[in-house]
């Protein structure tokens, strides 16, 4: 009975402790390292990882002395870890492109041979890009040149004033006549004096474009002539005559009105003496 009570007490103790704090965080209860959040950190050249320690708590535990394997403890994309740095250079001349600089935003940068990080024994050297000058500090931009001008101790870049934007040249638009009176498909309409037969206007070009001269024929209303089937204006159109009258139409042009015309027929022994009658239709 005592053994059963002891096991029940331990279960309650573990479950109660695990309810406090976030599971897997530093200080939380654990059975194995898999119960802990995976974290690493560097203390000098020593790498520490979160593990389940002998007290069944998640905590940082020494994982590896990076210096012992000629490595350095640094922050990488995968987190803190031991990483080997090759001694790739002994001077700037060992670095490709060290003679020239390039622009990185507003900064001029140059590839140089520098000390990457100290080790317990010796120093690791590597080629890396180093800021040469920040053009923004003098309110200018970093500009690539022809690799002949020496700027500071390196070539290929220089600080230059921010260029003034060049105003864009407006595109010329030629005037184009519309299909109705005083209208333009392109350009600006300007009315001018009409003639007896035509409406006239101009379509002025924009931004130096050419101007078009436009005209539209005025409507002509139909007008009956003084003889049968005659029109003083418009186009003749025959209509059904009667026993007593000749009938026809004078059709207007360009939207003009049409006039219906008639003239009395003469008897065989006489000639017509009266003018034709007319009415608009």
C-alpha atoms as a PDB file:
ATOM      1  CA  UNK A   1       0.000   0.000   0.000  1.00  0.00           C
ATOM      2  CA  UNK A   2       2.845   2.378   0.851  1.00  0.00           C
ATOM      3  CA  UNK A   3       4.525   1.714  -2.505  1.00  0.00           C
ATOM      4  CA  UNK A   4       1.322   2.577  -4.403  1.00  0.00           C
ATOM      5  CA  UNK A   5       0.938   5.841  -2.498  1.00  0.00           C
ATOM      6  CA  UNK A   6       4.577   6.749  -3.266  1.00  0.00           C
ATOM      7  CA  UNK A   7       4.116   6.224  -7.011  1.00  0.00           C
ATOM      8  CA  UNK A   8       0.875   8.257  -7.005  1.00  0.00           C
ATOM      9  CA  UNK A   9       2.722  11.079  -5.212  1.00  0.00           C
ATOM     10  CA  UNK A  10       5.529  11.079  -7.805  1.00  0.00           C
ATOM     11  CA  UNK A  11       3.053  11.186 -10.707  1.00  0.00           C
ATOM     12  CA  UNK A  12       1.209  14.114  -9.145  1.00  0.00           C
ATOM     13  CA  UNK A  13       4.520  15.878  -8.467  1.00  0.00           C
ATOM     14  CA  UNK A  14       5.780  15.548 -12.058  1.00  0.00           C
ATOM     15  CA  UNK A  15       2.439  16.490 -13.669  1.00  0.00           C
ATOM     16  CA  UNK A  16       2.062  19.447 -11.306  1.00  0.00           C
ATOM     17  CA  UNK A  17       5.544  20.744 -12.098  1.00  0.00           C
ATOM     18  CA  UNK A  18       5.038  20.437 -15.841  1.00  0.00           C
ATOM     19  CA  UNK A  19       2.016  22.723 -15.654  1.00  0.00           C
ATOM     20  CA  UNK A  20       4.208  25.584 -14.468  1.00  0.00           C
ATOM     21  CA  UNK A  21       5.997  27.543 -17.175  1.00  0.00           C
ATOM     22  CA  UNK A  22       6.075  26.844 -20.908  1.00  0.00           C
ATOM     23  CA  UNK A  23       6.875  23.250 -21.853  1.00  0.00           C
ATOM     24  CA  UNK A  24      10.426  22.866 -23.142  1.00  0.00           C
ATOM     25  CA  UNK A  25      11.606  26.279 -21.895  1.00  0.00           C
ATOM     26  CA  UNK A  26      14.625  26.814 -19.661  1.00  0.00           C
ATOM     27  CA  UNK A  27      13.869  25.435 -16.178  1.00  0.00           C
ATOM     28  CA  UNK A  28      10.866  23.345 -17.230  1.00  0.00           C
ATOM     29  CA  UNK A  29      10.599  19.679 -16.235  1.00  0.00           C
ATOM     30  CA  UNK A  30      11.793  17.040 -18.749  1.00  0.00           C
ATOM     31  CA  UNK A  31      12.464  13.318 -19.094  1.00  0.00           C
ATOM     32  CA  UNK A  32      14.760  13.524 -22.136  1.00  0.00           C
ATOM     33  CA  UNK A  33      16.421  16.276 -24.162  1.00  0.00           C
ATOM     34  CA  UNK A  34      13.682  15.827 -26.774  1.00  0.00           C
ATOM     35  CA  UNK A  35      11.303  17.463 -24.285  1.00  0.00           C
ATOM     36  CA  UNK A  36      13.365  20.702 -24.367  1.00  0.00           C
ATOM     37  CA  UNK A  37      13.325  23.521 -26.907  1.00  0.00           C
ATOM     38  CA  UNK A  38      16.437  23.301 -29.093  1.00  0.00           C
ATOM     39  CA  UNK A  39      18.611  26.322 -28.263  1.00  0.00           C
ATOM     40  CA  UNK A  40      22.347  27.025 -28.426  1.00  0.00           C
ATOM     41  CA  UNK A  41      24.644  29.828 -27.272  1.00  0.00           C
ATOM     42  CA  UNK A  42      28.325  30.723 -27.270  1.00  0.00           C
ATOM     43  CA  UNK A  43      30.216  31.583 -24.108  1.00  0.00           C
ATOM     44  CA  UNK A  44      33.626  32.537 -25.386  1.00  0.00           C
ATOM     45  CA  UNK A  45      34.680  29.619 -27.584  1.00  0.00           C
ATOM     46  CA  UNK A  46      32.509  27.127 -25.700  1.00  0.00           C
ATOM     47  CA  UNK A  47      29.228  25.946 -27.278  1.00  0.00           C
ATOM     48  CA  UNK A  48      26.299  25.312 -24.934  1.00  0.00           C
ATOM     49  CA  UNK A  49      23.111  23.461 -25.900  1.00  0.00           C
ATOM     50  CA  UNK A  50      19.820  23.128 -24.051  1.00  0.00           C
ATOM     51  CA  UNK A  51      19.527  19.574 -22.728  1.00  0.00           C
ATOM     52  CA  UNK A  52      17.635  17.701 -20.051  1.00  0.00           C
ATOM     53  CA  UNK A  53      20.080  17.816 -17.146  1.00  0.00           C
ATOM     54  CA  UNK A  54      20.520  15.329 -14.302  1.00  0.00           C
ATOM     55  CA  UNK A  55      17.850  17.177 -12.300  1.00  0.00           C
ATOM     56  CA  UNK A  56      15.281  16.582 -15.077  1.00  0.00           C
ATOM     57  CA  UNK A  57      15.251  20.275 -15.982  1.00  0.00           C
ATOM     58  CA  UNK A  58      15.798  21.910 -19.385  1.00  0.00           C
ATOM     59  CA  UNK A  59      18.985  23.959 -19.098  1.00  0.00           C
ATOM     60  CA  UNK A  60      22.113  24.982 -21.018  1.00  0.00           C
ATOM     61  CA  UNK A  61      24.767  22.262 -20.836  1.00  0.00           C
ATOM     62  CA  UNK A  62      28.326  22.515 -22.172  1.00  0.00           C
ATOM     63  CA  UNK A  63      28.380  20.761 -25.526  1.00  0.00           C
ATOM     64  CA  UNK A  64      31.808  21.440 -27.044  1.00  0.00           C
ATOM     65  CA  UNK A  65      34.929  23.555 -26.666  1.00  0.00           C
ATOM     66  CA  UNK A  66      35.226  24.807 -30.242  1.00  0.00           C
ATOM     67  CA  UNK A  67      38.847  25.938 -29.794  1.00  0.00           C
ATOM     68  CA  UNK A  68      39.892  22.386 -28.995  1.00  0.00           C
ATOM     69  CA  UNK A  69      39.159  21.420 -32.604  1.00  0.00           C
ATOM     70  CA  UNK A  70      40.593  24.627 -34.119  1.00  0.00           C
ATOM     71  CA  UNK A  71      37.106  26.024 -34.608  1.00  0.00           C
ATOM     72  CA  UNK A  72      35.255  29.131 -33.471  1.00  0.00           C
ATOM     73  CA  UNK A  73      31.908  29.438 -31.747  1.00  0.00           C
ATOM     74  CA  UNK A  74      29.837  31.878 -33.835  1.00  0.00           C
ATOM     75  CA  UNK A  75      26.250  32.717 -34.748  1.00  0.00           C
ATOM     76  CA  UNK A  76      25.282  31.243 -38.141  1.00  0.00           C
ATOM     77  CA  UNK A  77      22.030  30.947 -40.062  1.00  0.00           C
ATOM     78  CA  UNK A  78      21.408  27.695 -38.214  1.00  0.00           C
ATOM     79  CA  UNK A  79      22.075  29.233 -34.783  1.00  0.00           C
ATOM     80  CA  UNK A  80      25.214  29.222 -32.627  1.00  0.00           C
ATOM     81  CA  UNK A  81      27.605  26.459 -33.607  1.00  0.00           C
ATOM     82  CA  UNK A  82      31.262  25.486 -33.949  1.00  0.00           C
ATOM     83  CA  UNK A  83      32.514  26.405 -37.386  1.00  0.00           C
ATOM     84  CA  UNK A  84      35.863  25.942 -39.099  1.00  0.00           C
ATOM     85  CA  UNK A  85      37.462  29.016 -40.702  1.00  0.00           C
ATOM     86  CA  UNK A  86      40.120  28.294 -43.289  1.00  0.00           C
ATOM     87  CA  UNK A  87      43.211  30.464 -43.267  1.00  0.00           C
ATOM     88  CA  UNK A  88      42.476  31.616 -46.823  1.00  0.00           C
ATOM     89  CA  UNK A  89      44.742  34.663 -46.937  1.00  0.00           C
ATOM     90  CA  UNK A  90      47.781  36.296 -45.439  1.00  0.00           C
ATOM     91  CA  UNK A  91      47.290  39.726 -47.056  1.00  0.00           C
ATOM     92  CA  UNK A  92      44.881  41.756 -49.214  1.00  0.00           C
ATOM     93  CA  UNK A  93      46.676  40.666 -52.391  1.00  0.00           C
ATOM     94  CA  UNK A  94      45.449  37.093 -51.768  1.00  0.00           C
ATOM     95  CA  UNK A  95      41.837  38.285 -52.116  1.00  0.00           C
ATOM     96  CA  UNK A  96      40.380  38.496 -55.663  1.00  0.00           C
ATOM     97  CA  UNK A  97      39.183  42.019 -56.484  1.00  0.00           C
ATOM     98  CA  UNK A  98      40.949  43.647 -53.548  1.00  0.00           C
ATOM     99  CA  UNK A  99      42.290  46.334 -55.872  1.00  0.00           C
ATOM    100  CA  UNK A 100      38.810  47.654 -56.590  1.00  0.00           C
ATOM    101  CA  UNK A 101      35.797  48.788 -54.612  1.00  0.00           C
ATOM    102  CA  UNK A 102      32.097  48.433 -55.260  1.00  0.00           C
ATOM    103  CA  UNK A 103      28.899  50.100 -54.109  1.00  0.00           C
ATOM    104  CA  UNK A 104      26.772  48.521 -51.393  1.00  0.00           C
ATOM    105  CA  UNK A 105      23.879  50.932 -51.038  1.00  0.00           C
ATOM    106  CA  UNK A 106      25.467  54.285 -50.211  1.00  0.00           C
ATOM    107  CA  UNK A 107      28.681  52.631 -48.994  1.00  0.00           C
ATOM    108  CA  UNK A 108      31.868  51.940 -50.895  1.00  0.00           C
ATOM    109  CA  UNK A 109      33.187  48.506 -49.900  1.00  0.00           C
ATOM    110  CA  UNK A 110      36.430  46.671 -50.678  1.00  0.00           C
ATOM    111  CA  UNK A 111      37.422  43.010 -50.312  1.00  0.00           C
ATOM    112  CA  UNK A 112      40.276  42.717 -47.790  1.00  0.00           C
ATOM    113  CA  UNK A 113      42.108  40.040 -45.828  1.00  0.00           C
ATOM    114  CA  UNK A 114      41.041  40.522 -42.222  1.00  0.00           C
ATOM    115  CA  UNK A 115      41.107  38.707 -38.918  1.00  0.00           C
ATOM    116  CA  UNK A 116      37.872  36.752 -38.751  1.00  0.00           C
ATOM    117  CA  UNK A 117      37.955  35.894 -35.066  1.00  0.00           C
ATOM    118  CA  UNK A 118      40.624  35.108 -32.456  1.00  0.00           C
ATOM    119  CA  UNK A 119      41.280  31.515 -31.408  1.00  0.00           C
ATOM    120  CA  UNK A 120      42.968  30.234 -28.307  1.00  0.00           C
ATOM    121  CA  UNK A 121      45.929  29.469 -30.546  1.00  0.00           C
ATOM    122  CA  UNK A 122      46.654  31.629 -33.585  1.00  0.00           C
ATOM    123  CA  UNK A 123      44.368  33.837 -35.644  1.00  0.00           C
ATOM    124  CA  UNK A 124      42.075  32.901 -38.530  1.00  0.00           C
ATOM    125  CA  UNK A 125      42.269  35.219 -41.538  1.00  0.00           C
ATOM    126  CA  UNK A 126      39.766  35.424 -44.367  1.00  0.00           C
ATOM    127  CA  UNK A 127      38.700  37.553 -47.342  1.00  0.00           C
ATOM    128  CA  UNK A 128      35.656  39.670 -46.606  1.00  0.00           C
ATOM    129  CA  UNK A 129      34.101  42.954 -47.728  1.00  0.00           C
ATOM    130  CA  UNK A 130      34.958  45.939 -45.575  1.00  0.00           C
ATOM    131  CA  UNK A 131      33.279  49.354 -45.594  1.00  0.00           C
ATOM    132  CA  UNK A 132      35.603  51.946 -47.127  1.00  0.00           C
ATOM    133  CA  UNK A 133      33.400  55.028 -46.948  1.00  0.00           C
ATOM    134  CA  UNK A 134      29.723  55.843 -46.440  1.00  0.00           C
ATOM    135  CA  UNK A 135      28.772  58.457 -49.025  1.00  0.00           C
ATOM    136  CA  UNK A 136      25.539  59.172 -47.135  1.00  0.00           C
ATOM    137  CA  UNK A 137      27.637  60.827 -44.422  1.00  0.00           C
ATOM    138  CA  UNK A 138      28.287  63.710 -46.840  1.00  0.00           C
ATOM    139  CA  UNK A 139      24.781  63.572 -48.329  1.00  0.00           C
ATOM    140  CA  UNK A 140      25.953  61.953 -51.547  1.00  0.00           C
ATOM    141  CA  UNK A 141      25.519  58.626 -53.318  1.00  0.00           C
ATOM    142  CA  UNK A 142      27.982  55.862 -54.156  1.00  0.00           C
ATOM    143  CA  UNK A 143      28.669  55.828 -57.886  1.00  0.00           C
ATOM    144  CA  UNK A 144      30.615  53.422 -60.091  1.00  0.00           C
ATOM    145  CA  UNK A 145      33.331  55.054 -62.218  1.00  0.00           C
ATOM    146  CA  UNK A 146      35.665  53.945 -64.991  1.00  0.00           C
ATOM    147  CA  UNK A 147      38.250  52.327 -62.675  1.00  0.00           C
ATOM    148  CA  UNK A 148      40.740  55.091 -63.457  1.00  0.00           C
ATOM    149  CA  UNK A 149      39.903  57.538 -60.676  1.00  0.00           C
ATOM    150  CA  UNK A 150      41.453  56.611 -57.349  1.00  0.00           C
ATOM    151  CA  UNK A 151      39.121  57.308 -54.429  1.00  0.00           C
ATOM    152  CA  UNK A 152      40.865  56.988 -51.082  1.00  0.00           C
ATOM    153  CA  UNK A 153      42.900  53.801 -51.298  1.00  0.00           C
ATOM    154  CA  UNK A 154      40.727  51.926 -53.774  1.00  0.00           C
ATOM    155  CA  UNK A 155      39.369  52.318 -57.273  1.00  0.00           C
ATOM    156  CA  UNK A 156      36.097  51.835 -59.133  1.00  0.00           C
ATOM    157  CA  UNK A 157      33.730  53.823 -56.882  1.00  0.00           C
ATOM    158  CA  UNK A 158      33.379  57.411 -55.822  1.00  0.00           C
ATOM    159  CA  UNK A 159      30.931  59.600 -53.940  1.00  0.00           C
ATOM    160  CA  UNK A 160      28.868  61.830 -56.214  1.00  0.00           C
ATOM    161  CA  UNK A 161      26.078  64.366 -55.669  1.00  0.00           C
ATOM    162  CA  UNK A 162      22.565  63.033 -55.990  1.00  0.00           C
ATOM    163  CA  UNK A 163      21.626  63.633 -59.657  1.00  0.00           C
ATOM    164  CA  UNK A 164      18.819  66.072 -60.418  1.00  0.00           C
ATOM    165  CA  UNK A 165      16.028  64.242 -62.236  1.00  0.00           C
ATOM    166  CA  UNK A 166      15.860  65.246 -65.906  1.00  0.00           C
ATOM    167  CA  UNK A 167      12.387  66.557 -66.804  1.00  0.00           C
ATOM    168  CA  UNK A 168      10.652  64.232 -69.206  1.00  0.00           C
ATOM    169  CA  UNK A 169      10.016  65.676 -72.700  1.00  0.00           C
ATOM    170  CA  UNK A 170       6.286  65.922 -73.453  1.00  0.00           C
ATOM    171  CA  UNK A 171       5.124  63.800 -76.387  1.00  0.00           C
ATOM    172  CA  UNK A 172       3.751  65.909 -79.292  1.00  0.00           C
ATOM    173  CA  UNK A 173       0.120  65.163 -80.177  1.00  0.00           C
ATOM    174  CA  UNK A 174      -1.084  66.145 -83.645  1.00  0.00           C
ATOM    175  CA  UNK A 175      -4.594  67.544 -84.073  1.00  0.00           C
ATOM    176  CA  UNK A 176      -7.099  65.212 -85.790  1.00  0.00           C
ATOM    177  CA  UNK A 177     -10.548  66.325 -87.047  1.00  0.00           C
ATOM    178  CA  UNK A 178     -13.682  64.735 -85.653  1.00  0.00           C
ATOM    179  CA  UNK A 179     -16.685  63.629 -87.701  1.00  0.00           C
ATOM    180  CA  UNK A 180     -19.149  66.187 -86.308  1.00  0.00           C
ATOM    181  CA  UNK A 181     -19.141  69.995 -86.283  1.00  0.00           C
ATOM    182  CA  UNK A 182     -16.337  71.548 -84.156  1.00  0.00           C
ATOM    183  CA  UNK A 183     -15.175  68.147 -82.824  1.00  0.00           C
ATOM    184  CA  UNK A 184     -11.624  66.754 -82.602  1.00  0.00           C
ATOM    185  CA  UNK A 185     -10.471  63.147 -82.270  1.00  0.00           C
ATOM    186  CA  UNK A 186      -7.174  64.552 -80.964  1.00  0.00           C
ATOM    187  CA  UNK A 187      -6.090  68.064 -80.045  1.00  0.00           C
ATOM    188  CA  UNK A 188      -8.048  71.143 -78.979  1.00  0.00           C
ATOM    189  CA  UNK A 189     -11.005  72.476 -80.987  1.00  0.00           C
ATOM    190  CA  UNK A 190     -10.876  76.120 -82.133  1.00  0.00           C
ATOM    191  CA  UNK A 191     -13.829  77.564 -84.099  1.00  0.00           C
ATOM    192  CA  UNK A 192     -13.093  79.707 -87.194  1.00  0.00           C
ATOM    193  CA  UNK A 193     -15.313  81.582 -89.680  1.00  0.00           C
ATOM    194  CA  UNK A 194     -17.730  79.418 -91.658  1.00  0.00           C
ATOM    195  CA  UNK A 195     -18.547  79.802 -95.353  1.00  0.00           C
ATOM    196  CA  UNK A 196     -21.920  79.651 -96.999  1.00  0.00           C
ATOM    197  CA  UNK A 197     -21.441  75.961 -97.716  1.00  0.00           C
ATOM    198  CA  UNK A 198     -19.160  74.683 -94.926  1.00  0.00           C
ATOM    199  CA  UNK A 199     -18.728  74.767 -91.162  1.00  0.00           C
ATOM    200  CA  UNK A 200     -15.048  75.345 -90.413  1.00  0.00           C
ATOM    201  CA  UNK A 201     -12.827  74.827 -87.329  1.00  0.00           C
ATOM    202  CA  UNK A 202      -9.273  73.846 -86.365  1.00  0.00           C
ATOM    203  CA  UNK A 203      -7.955  71.022 -84.190  1.00  0.00           C
ATOM    204  CA  UNK A 204      -4.869  72.466 -82.538  1.00  0.00           C
ATOM    205  CA  UNK A 205      -1.963  70.119 -81.727  1.00  0.00           C
ATOM    206  CA  UNK A 206      -0.654  69.655 -78.162  1.00  0.00           C
ATOM    207  CA  UNK A 207       2.994  69.858 -77.009  1.00  0.00           C
ATOM    208  CA  UNK A 208       4.126  71.184 -80.397  1.00  0.00           C
ATOM    209  CA  UNK A 209       1.967  68.860 -82.482  1.00  0.00           C
ATOM    210  CA  UNK A 210       0.552  70.003 -85.834  1.00  0.00           C
ATOM    211  CA  UNK A 211      -2.838  71.708 -86.258  1.00  0.00           C
ATOM    212  CA  UNK A 212      -5.480  70.228 -88.575  1.00  0.00           C
ATOM    213  CA  UNK A 213      -7.955  72.395 -90.575  1.00  0.00           C
ATOM    214  CA  UNK A 214     -11.414  70.859 -90.519  1.00  0.00           C
ATOM    215  CA  UNK A 215     -14.632  71.443 -92.468  1.00  0.00           C
ATOM    216  CA  UNK A 216     -18.061  69.889 -92.682  1.00  0.00           C
ATOM    217  CA  UNK A 217     -20.556  70.545 -95.463  1.00  0.00           C
ATOM    218  CA  UNK A 218     -23.651  72.377 -94.264  1.00  0.00           C
ATOM    219  CA  UNK A 219     -27.056  70.648 -94.640  1.00  0.00           C
ATOM    220  CA  UNK A 220     -28.988  71.582 -97.822  1.00  0.00           C
ATOM    221  CA  UNK A 221     -32.790  71.541 -97.576  1.00  0.00           C
ATOM    222  CA  UNK A 222     -34.700  70.253-100.581  1.00  0.00           C
ATOM    223  CA  UNK A 223     -36.563  72.939-102.618  1.00  0.00           C
ATOM    224  CA  UNK A 224     -39.075  72.357-105.397  1.00  0.00           C
ATOM    225  CA  UNK A 225     -38.414  73.702-108.884  1.00  0.00           C
ATOM    226  CA  UNK A 226     -40.904  75.632-111.054  1.00  0.00           C
ATOM    227  CA  UNK A 227     -41.399  72.796-113.528  1.00  0.00           C
ATOM    228  CA  UNK A 228     -42.643  69.273-112.953  1.00  0.00           C
ATOM    229  CA  UNK A 229     -39.990  67.026-111.526  1.00  0.00           C
ATOM    230  CA  UNK A 230     -37.612  69.896-111.031  1.00  0.00           C
ATOM    231  CA  UNK A 231     -35.653  70.785-107.841  1.00  0.00           C
ATOM    232  CA  UNK A 232     -33.929  74.087-107.196  1.00  0.00           C
ATOM    233  CA  UNK A 233     -32.046  72.327-104.334  1.00  0.00           C
ATOM    234  CA  UNK A 234     -31.654  68.721-103.329  1.00  0.00           C
ATOM    235  CA  UNK A 235     -32.080  65.493-105.237  1.00  0.00           C
ATOM    236  CA  UNK A 236     -35.154  64.571-107.288  1.00  0.00           C
ATOM    237  CA  UNK A 237     -37.170  61.579-106.153  1.00  0.00           C
ATOM    238  CA  UNK A 238     -40.254  60.492-108.076  1.00  0.00           C
ATOM    239  CA  UNK A 239     -43.552  60.002-106.295  1.00  0.00           C
ATOM    240  CA  UNK A 240     -46.888  58.555-107.415  1.00  0.00           C
ATOM    241  CA  UNK A 241     -48.606  61.126-109.576  1.00  0.00           C
ATOM    242  CA  UNK A 242     -52.385  61.381-109.804  1.00  0.00           C
ATOM    243  CA  UNK A 243     -54.729  61.969-112.771  1.00  0.00           C
ATOM    244  CA  UNK A 244     -54.637  65.661-112.099  1.00  0.00           C
ATOM    245  CA  UNK A 245     -51.155  66.341-110.604  1.00  0.00           C
ATOM    246  CA  UNK A 246     -47.532  65.540-111.138  1.00  0.00           C
ATOM    247  CA  UNK A 247     -45.861  64.574-107.828  1.00  0.00           C
ATOM    248  CA  UNK A 248     -42.197  64.303-106.793  1.00  0.00           C
ATOM    249  CA  UNK A 249     -39.835  65.026-103.909  1.00  0.00           C
ATOM    250  CA  UNK A 250     -36.735  67.161-103.517  1.00  0.00           C
ATOM    251  CA  UNK A 251     -34.527  65.296-101.020  1.00  0.00           C
ATOM    252  CA  UNK A 252     -32.176  67.396 -98.853  1.00  0.00           C
ATOM    253  CA  UNK A 253     -28.489  66.530 -98.560  1.00  0.00           C
ATOM    254  CA  UNK A 254     -26.124  66.326 -95.545  1.00  0.00           C
ATOM    255  CA  UNK A 255     -29.069  66.087 -93.167  1.00  0.00           C
ATOM    256  CA  UNK A 256     -31.245  68.690 -94.919  1.00  0.00           C
ATOM    257  CA  UNK A 257     -35.021  68.381 -95.035  1.00  0.00           C
ATOM    258  CA  UNK A 258     -37.003  66.823 -97.912  1.00  0.00           C
ATOM    259  CA  UNK A 259     -39.797  68.775 -99.668  1.00  0.00           C
ATOM    260  CA  UNK A 260     -42.806  67.158-101.397  1.00  0.00           C
ATOM    261  CA  UNK A 261     -43.723  68.841-104.677  1.00  0.00           C
ATOM    262  CA  UNK A 262     -46.744  68.801-107.004  1.00  0.00           C
ATOM    263  CA  UNK A 263     -47.846  70.537-110.204  1.00  0.00           C
ATOM    264  CA  UNK A 264     -51.266  70.326-111.922  1.00  0.00           C
ATOM    265  CA  UNK A 265     -51.397  68.495-115.193  1.00  0.00           C
ATOM    266  CA  UNK A 266     -52.511  70.586-118.201  1.00  0.00           C
ATOM    267  CA  UNK A 267     -55.422  69.605-120.462  1.00  0.00           C
ATOM    268  CA  UNK A 268     -54.488  68.408-123.961  1.00  0.00           C
ATOM    269  CA  UNK A 269     -55.508  71.717-125.443  1.00  0.00           C
ATOM    270  CA  UNK A 270     -53.788  73.952-122.919  1.00  0.00           C
ATOM    271  CA  UNK A 271     -50.354  74.556-121.349  1.00  0.00           C
ATOM    272  CA  UNK A 272     -49.661  74.824-117.591  1.00  0.00           C
ATOM    273  CA  UNK A 273     -49.884  78.346-116.285  1.00  0.00           C
ATOM    274  CA  UNK A 274     -49.574  77.859-112.571  1.00  0.00           C
ATOM    275  CA  UNK A 275     -46.350  77.180-110.621  1.00  0.00           C
ATOM    276  CA  UNK A 276     -45.979  73.848-108.791  1.00  0.00           C
ATOM    277  CA  UNK A 277     -47.164  73.700-105.204  1.00  0.00           C
ATOM    278  CA  UNK A 278     -44.709  72.515-102.555  1.00  0.00           C
ATOM    279  CA  UNK A 279     -44.886  71.324 -98.940  1.00  0.00           C
ATOM    280  CA  UNK A 280     -42.180  70.050 -96.585  1.00  0.00           C
ATOM    281  CA  UNK A 281     -42.346  66.350 -95.706  1.00  0.00           C
END
